[in-house]
Protein backbone atom coordinates (compact mmCIF):
# COMPACT_ATOMS: atom_id res chain seq x y z
CA MET A 1 -14.75 -45.13 -74.79
CA GLN A 2 -14.49 -42.58 -71.88
CA GLN A 3 -14.67 -43.34 -68.41
CA VAL A 4 -16.06 -41.62 -65.14
CA ARG A 5 -14.49 -42.32 -62.47
CA THR A 6 -14.69 -40.72 -58.67
CA VAL A 7 -11.50 -39.57 -56.37
CA GLY A 8 -11.53 -38.60 -52.76
CA THR A 9 -9.91 -35.14 -52.40
CA THR A 10 -7.29 -34.50 -49.59
CA GLU A 11 -8.82 -30.53 -48.75
CA PRO A 12 -8.86 -30.28 -44.77
CA ASN A 13 -11.82 -30.49 -42.99
CA ASN A 14 -13.73 -31.96 -45.76
CA LEU A 15 -12.16 -35.53 -45.71
CA SER A 16 -15.42 -37.12 -47.28
CA SER A 17 -15.80 -35.19 -50.21
CA SER A 18 -15.28 -36.36 -53.95
CA SER A 19 -14.78 -35.12 -57.26
CA SER A 20 -15.09 -36.60 -60.81
CA TYR A 21 -12.62 -36.77 -63.55
CA VAL A 22 -12.47 -37.91 -67.08
CA PHE A 23 -9.97 -40.85 -67.85
CA ASP A 24 -10.03 -41.91 -71.75
CA PRO A 25 -7.75 -45.20 -71.96
CA GLU A 26 -7.13 -44.73 -75.35
CA SER A 27 -5.63 -41.21 -74.89
CA SER A 28 -3.70 -42.34 -72.01
CA PRO A 29 0.09 -42.65 -72.68
CA MET A 30 0.63 -45.95 -70.58
CA THR A 31 -2.44 -47.80 -73.37
CA SER A 32 -1.27 -46.02 -76.84
CA LYS A 33 -0.08 -48.43 -79.18
CA ASP A 34 2.08 -45.56 -80.81
CA GLY A 35 3.31 -44.56 -77.72
CA PRO A 36 2.70 -41.46 -75.22
CA ARG A 37 1.07 -39.04 -77.06
CA ASN A 38 0.75 -35.00 -76.25
CA GLN A 39 0.24 -35.06 -72.19
CA SER A 40 -2.60 -32.08 -73.11
CA ASN A 41 -5.22 -34.81 -73.89
CA THR A 42 -4.88 -36.73 -70.45
CA VAL A 43 -6.26 -35.72 -67.30
CA LEU A 44 -3.28 -35.37 -64.59
CA ILE A 45 -4.41 -36.06 -60.76
CA GLY A 46 -2.68 -33.68 -58.44
CA THR A 47 -2.84 -33.89 -54.61
CA SER A 48 -3.85 -31.06 -52.89
CA THR A 49 -0.51 -29.68 -50.71
CA ARG A 50 -2.40 -26.75 -49.19
CA GLY A 51 -3.97 -28.60 -46.64
CA ILE A 52 -0.75 -30.48 -46.02
CA ALA A 53 1.32 -27.86 -45.77
CA SER A 54 -1.11 -26.06 -43.21
CA SER A 55 -1.28 -28.87 -41.26
CA GLU A 56 2.47 -29.06 -41.09
CA MET A 57 2.67 -25.33 -39.75
CA SER A 58 0.25 -26.09 -37.41
CA THR A 59 1.78 -28.98 -35.50
CA THR A 60 5.07 -26.86 -36.00
CA ARG A 61 3.67 -23.58 -34.04
CA ARG A 62 2.22 -26.13 -31.75
CA VAL A 63 5.94 -27.90 -30.74
CA LEU A 64 7.11 -24.90 -30.73
CA GLY A 65 4.59 -23.05 -28.62
CA ARG A 66 5.10 -26.20 -25.90
CA MET A 67 8.91 -25.69 -26.02
CA ARG A 68 8.35 -22.08 -24.94
CA ARG A 69 6.59 -22.91 -22.13
CA LEU A 70 8.27 -25.70 -20.98
CA LEU A 71 11.79 -22.96 -21.69
CA THR A 72 9.67 -20.31 -19.62
CA SER A 73 7.43 -22.03 -16.90
CA ARG A 74 9.92 -24.76 -16.08
CA LEU A 75 13.65 -24.57 -17.05
CA LEU A 76 14.40 -20.50 -17.03
CA PRO A 77 13.21 -20.48 -13.38
CA ALA A 78 14.45 -23.76 -11.89
CA SER A 79 17.98 -22.74 -13.59
CA ALA A 80 17.91 -19.40 -12.03
CA LEU A 81 17.01 -20.70 -8.83
CA ALA A 82 19.92 -23.28 -9.40
CA GLY A 83 22.59 -20.42 -9.70
CA LEU A 84 21.11 -19.13 -5.93
CA VAL A 85 22.05 -22.46 -4.81
CA PHE A 86 25.57 -22.56 -6.28
CA TRP A 87 25.94 -18.52 -5.17
CA GLN A 88 24.95 -19.68 -1.75
CA LEU A 89 27.13 -22.98 -1.95
CA GLY A 90 29.86 -20.46 -2.88
CA ALA A 91 29.12 -18.35 0.35
CA LEU A 92 29.06 -21.50 2.38
CA VAL A 93 32.94 -22.34 1.46
CA ALA A 94 33.86 -18.83 2.32
CA GLU A 95 32.27 -19.10 5.84
CA LEU A 96 34.05 -22.52 6.24
CA GLN A 97 37.05 -21.11 5.85
CA GLU A 98 36.33 -17.87 8.22
CA PHE A 99 35.58 -20.66 10.68
CA ASN A 100 38.75 -22.89 10.64
CA LEU A 101 40.44 -19.44 10.69
CA HIS A 102 38.18 -17.88 13.45
CA PRO A 103 35.77 -20.56 15.38
CA GLY A 104 33.06 -19.24 16.59
CA TRP A 105 29.20 -19.88 17.23
CA ILE A 106 28.40 -16.77 15.07
CA VAL A 107 30.38 -18.03 11.94
CA LEU A 108 28.90 -21.63 12.88
CA GLY A 109 25.36 -20.06 12.68
CA GLU A 110 26.22 -18.41 9.27
CA CYS A 111 27.18 -21.85 8.01
CA LEU A 112 24.10 -23.50 8.84
CA ARG A 113 21.79 -20.56 7.58
CA SER A 114 23.68 -20.64 3.88
CA VAL A 115 22.83 -24.95 4.62
CA LEU A 116 19.07 -24.26 4.98
CA TYR A 117 19.00 -21.72 2.55
CA ALA A 118 20.63 -23.81 -0.14
CA LEU A 119 17.96 -26.71 1.35
CA PHE A 120 15.34 -24.02 0.81
CA LEU A 121 15.67 -23.54 -2.62
CA CYS A 122 15.88 -27.24 -3.92
CA PHE A 123 11.98 -27.37 -3.36
CA PRO A 124 10.68 -24.81 -5.81
CA ILE A 125 13.61 -26.13 -8.11
CA ALA A 126 11.82 -29.51 -8.01
CA ALA A 127 8.26 -28.01 -8.10
CA PHE A 128 9.21 -25.94 -11.33
CA LEU A 129 10.25 -29.39 -13.11
CA THR A 130 7.59 -31.32 -12.36
CA HIS A 131 4.55 -29.32 -11.05
CA GLU A 132 1.23 -29.88 -12.90
CA PRO A 133 -0.15 -27.18 -15.11
CA ALA A 134 -1.69 -24.22 -13.11
CA ARG A 135 -5.79 -23.79 -13.05
CA SER A 136 -5.68 -20.19 -13.04
CA ARG A 137 -3.14 -17.63 -13.56
CA ASP A 138 -2.67 -13.44 -13.09
CA GLY A 139 -0.97 -12.73 -16.79
CA SER A 140 -0.38 -9.16 -15.43
CA ARG A 141 3.09 -8.28 -16.28
CA LEU A 142 3.34 -6.01 -13.60
CA VAL A 143 2.64 -8.48 -11.07
CA THR A 144 4.93 -11.14 -12.69
CA CYS A 145 7.67 -8.58 -12.57
CA ALA A 146 7.37 -8.00 -9.28
CA ALA A 147 7.30 -11.23 -8.00
CA VAL A 148 10.54 -11.96 -10.12
CA ALA A 149 11.88 -8.81 -8.37
CA ALA A 150 11.18 -9.72 -4.76
CA THR A 151 13.03 -12.96 -5.39
CA PHE A 152 16.53 -11.75 -6.80
CA LEU A 153 16.25 -8.30 -6.20
CA LEU A 154 18.68 -8.77 -2.67
CA ALA A 155 20.90 -11.54 -4.86
CA GLY A 156 21.35 -9.21 -7.61
CA LEU A 157 22.32 -6.39 -5.78
CA GLY A 158 24.97 -8.27 -3.49
CA LEU A 159 26.49 -9.38 -6.58
CA LEU A 160 26.38 -6.36 -8.58
CA VAL A 161 26.26 -3.14 -6.71
CA PRO A 162 28.38 -2.05 -4.26
CA SER A 163 26.69 -2.26 -0.34
CA GLY A 164 27.36 1.82 0.08
CA MET A 165 28.25 3.22 3.51
CA GLN A 166 27.46 1.79 6.88
CA LEU A 167 24.88 3.17 8.63
CA TRP A 168 25.06 2.35 12.10
CA ARG A 169 27.28 -0.75 14.50
CA THR A 170 26.08 -3.50 15.41
CA SER A 171 26.88 -5.37 18.90
CA SER A 172 27.97 -9.01 19.13
CA VAL A 173 24.57 -9.22 21.21
CA VAL A 174 22.39 -8.03 18.23
CA VAL A 175 24.19 -10.08 15.50
CA GLY A 176 23.69 -12.78 17.58
CA ILE A 177 19.77 -11.99 18.00
CA ALA A 178 19.68 -11.28 14.35
CA LEU A 179 21.26 -14.95 13.37
CA VAL A 180 19.01 -16.02 15.47
CA ILE A 181 16.07 -14.66 13.26
CA THR A 182 17.69 -15.38 10.27
CA LEU A 183 17.63 -18.75 11.16
CA VAL A 184 14.29 -19.44 12.22
CA GLY A 185 12.98 -17.60 9.24
CA VAL A 186 15.37 -19.84 7.00
CA ALA A 187 13.88 -23.01 8.82
CA LEU A 188 10.44 -21.79 7.99
CA ALA A 189 11.13 -21.34 4.39
CA ALA A 190 12.06 -24.69 4.06
CA VAL A 191 9.19 -26.44 5.93
CA SER A 192 6.72 -23.98 4.13
CA ALA A 193 8.09 -24.92 0.75
CA ASN A 194 7.72 -28.63 1.83
CA SER A 195 4.42 -27.46 2.79
CA LEU A 196 3.51 -26.23 -0.62
CA GLY A 197 5.00 -28.61 -2.86
CA GLY A 198 4.24 -28.37 -7.08
CA SER A 199 2.08 -25.23 -6.08
CA PHE A 200 5.35 -23.07 -5.91
CA SER A 201 5.63 -20.27 -8.61
CA PHE A 202 7.06 -17.01 -9.13
CA GLY A 203 3.92 -15.42 -9.83
CA PRO A 204 0.43 -15.86 -8.80
CA GLN A 205 -0.70 -19.34 -10.06
CA GLY A 206 -3.72 -21.38 -9.17
CA ARG A 207 -2.67 -25.14 -8.46
CA ALA A 208 -4.04 -25.72 -5.42
CA LEU A 209 -5.13 -24.59 -1.77
CA VAL A 210 -2.64 -25.26 0.76
CA VAL A 211 -3.71 -25.61 4.18
CA ARG A 212 -1.43 -27.70 5.92
CA GLY A 213 1.21 -26.77 8.24
CA PRO A 214 2.87 -23.21 8.53
CA TYR A 215 -0.15 -22.76 6.17
CA ARG A 216 -2.08 -22.80 9.32
CA LEU A 217 -0.52 -20.04 11.14
CA VAL A 218 -0.54 -17.56 8.37
CA ARG A 219 -1.38 -17.55 4.89
CA HIS A 220 1.99 -16.31 3.41
CA PRO A 221 4.42 -18.40 5.84
CA ILE A 222 7.31 -17.94 2.76
CA TYR A 223 6.82 -14.22 2.30
CA LEU A 224 7.08 -14.21 6.29
CA ALA A 225 10.39 -16.52 6.49
CA GLU A 226 11.78 -14.25 3.82
CA LEU A 227 10.55 -11.11 6.16
CA ALA A 228 12.59 -12.76 8.74
CA MET A 229 15.95 -13.63 6.88
CA ILE A 230 15.71 -9.83 5.37
CA VAL A 231 15.84 -8.68 9.68
CA GLY A 232 18.14 -10.75 10.12
CA VAL A 233 20.75 -10.23 7.40
CA THR A 234 20.13 -6.48 7.58
CA VAL A 235 21.27 -6.00 10.93
CA VAL A 236 23.98 -7.96 10.80
CA ASN A 237 25.30 -5.71 7.62
CA PRO A 238 23.59 -2.33 8.31
CA ARG A 239 24.39 -0.71 4.99
CA LEU A 240 22.84 1.35 2.48
CA VAL A 241 22.16 -0.57 -0.69
CA PRO A 242 20.73 -3.54 0.95
CA LEU A 243 18.59 -1.45 3.51
CA VAL A 244 17.02 -0.04 0.47
CA GLY A 245 16.91 -3.11 -1.37
CA ALA A 246 15.14 -4.65 1.73
CA PHE A 247 12.42 -2.04 1.81
CA ALA A 248 11.89 -2.19 -1.92
CA VAL A 249 11.40 -6.11 -1.73
CA ILE A 250 8.92 -5.92 1.44
CA VAL A 251 6.70 -3.49 -0.62
CA LEU A 252 7.02 -5.85 -3.90
CA GLN A 253 5.48 -8.91 -1.62
CA LEU A 254 3.14 -6.57 -0.29
CA VAL A 255 1.94 -6.44 -4.27
CA ARG A 256 2.45 -9.78 -4.69
CA ILE A 257 -0.02 -11.01 -1.74
CA ARG A 258 -2.79 -8.96 -2.93
CA ALA A 259 -2.46 -10.28 -6.21
CA GLU A 260 -2.22 -14.28 -5.19
CA GLU A 261 -4.84 -13.71 -2.51
CA ARG A 262 -7.45 -12.53 -5.47
CA LEU A 263 -6.50 -14.92 -7.74
CA LEU A 264 -7.00 -17.87 -5.07
CA ARG A 265 -10.17 -16.63 -4.25
CA SER A 266 -11.61 -16.55 -7.84
CA THR A 267 -10.33 -19.62 -8.31
CA PHE A 268 -10.56 -22.25 -5.18
CA PRO A 269 -14.25 -21.59 -3.34
CA GLY A 270 -12.99 -22.73 -0.28
CA PHE A 271 -10.63 -19.97 0.03
CA SER A 272 -12.82 -17.43 1.89
CA CYS A 273 -13.65 -19.99 4.56
CA TYR A 274 -9.11 -20.97 4.83
CA ALA A 275 -9.40 -16.96 4.94
CA ALA A 276 -11.59 -16.61 7.80
CA ALA A 277 -9.87 -19.88 10.20
CA THR A 278 -6.43 -18.25 9.27
CA ARG A 279 -7.06 -15.02 10.11
CA TYR A 280 -3.86 -13.41 9.65
CA ARG A 281 -1.79 -12.92 5.88
CA LEU A 282 1.95 -12.45 6.73
CA ILE A 283 2.69 -11.54 10.69
CA PRO A 284 0.74 -13.22 13.22
CA PHE A 285 -1.32 -10.62 15.51
CA LEU A 286 -0.86 -7.73 13.32
CA TRP A 287 -1.64 -8.33 9.34
């Protein structure tokens, strides 16, 4: 006697479907008195592995995608900034040795600058490791490359390229003024990074519209702080390569500002009101 049974299939997106097969208990090797018969008389029930394999591949892709985003958007930029921190701490050690040999307020100011700059770098490192996913981002590779180059160009030139010829001689008074400008810039960068919090990023990304602290003075206070640091360092060390690098960084920052404001304007409806209240992008009373 033949019996008809129904079993569920394992095809993806069709979990409720079923299929029928014919089962002959007399032809089954489990019920035959004469032992197992030819298995061609038995209908074998096979489970579909295609759907399972597809599901596993999809899960693998998601895991790899998350790991790639974790590496590129968090670990890699945080590690790069951590490298700058160690580089700055190495400079601090050299400056402390110089202060031990030749005590003076200029060398002491350089030590303070190194400490403040290392402190400033700790804020974006923490932001990269803890920030929430961006609501919007500029996917342009040109803008992203400009942002990364503006952040690391001067440090890379200082490590890898000879400084070149000295363009002019700087008096001790000018060096002192430039050092004060640099210290003001570093302090402004640290305060601005603290106000920015987890919204810090290299490329233009929209997480929150920050309007507190130094962001009430200008719309891009961190870039203003970096400009002050660039001016101070270039005046103290007026050599060809750092000067060319400084001009390149300023141009890159202008590209960065345009792209960021375009993204913020399209992401946050309140940005237009903020821009009207805080008129200047970078330099108060100028631009």
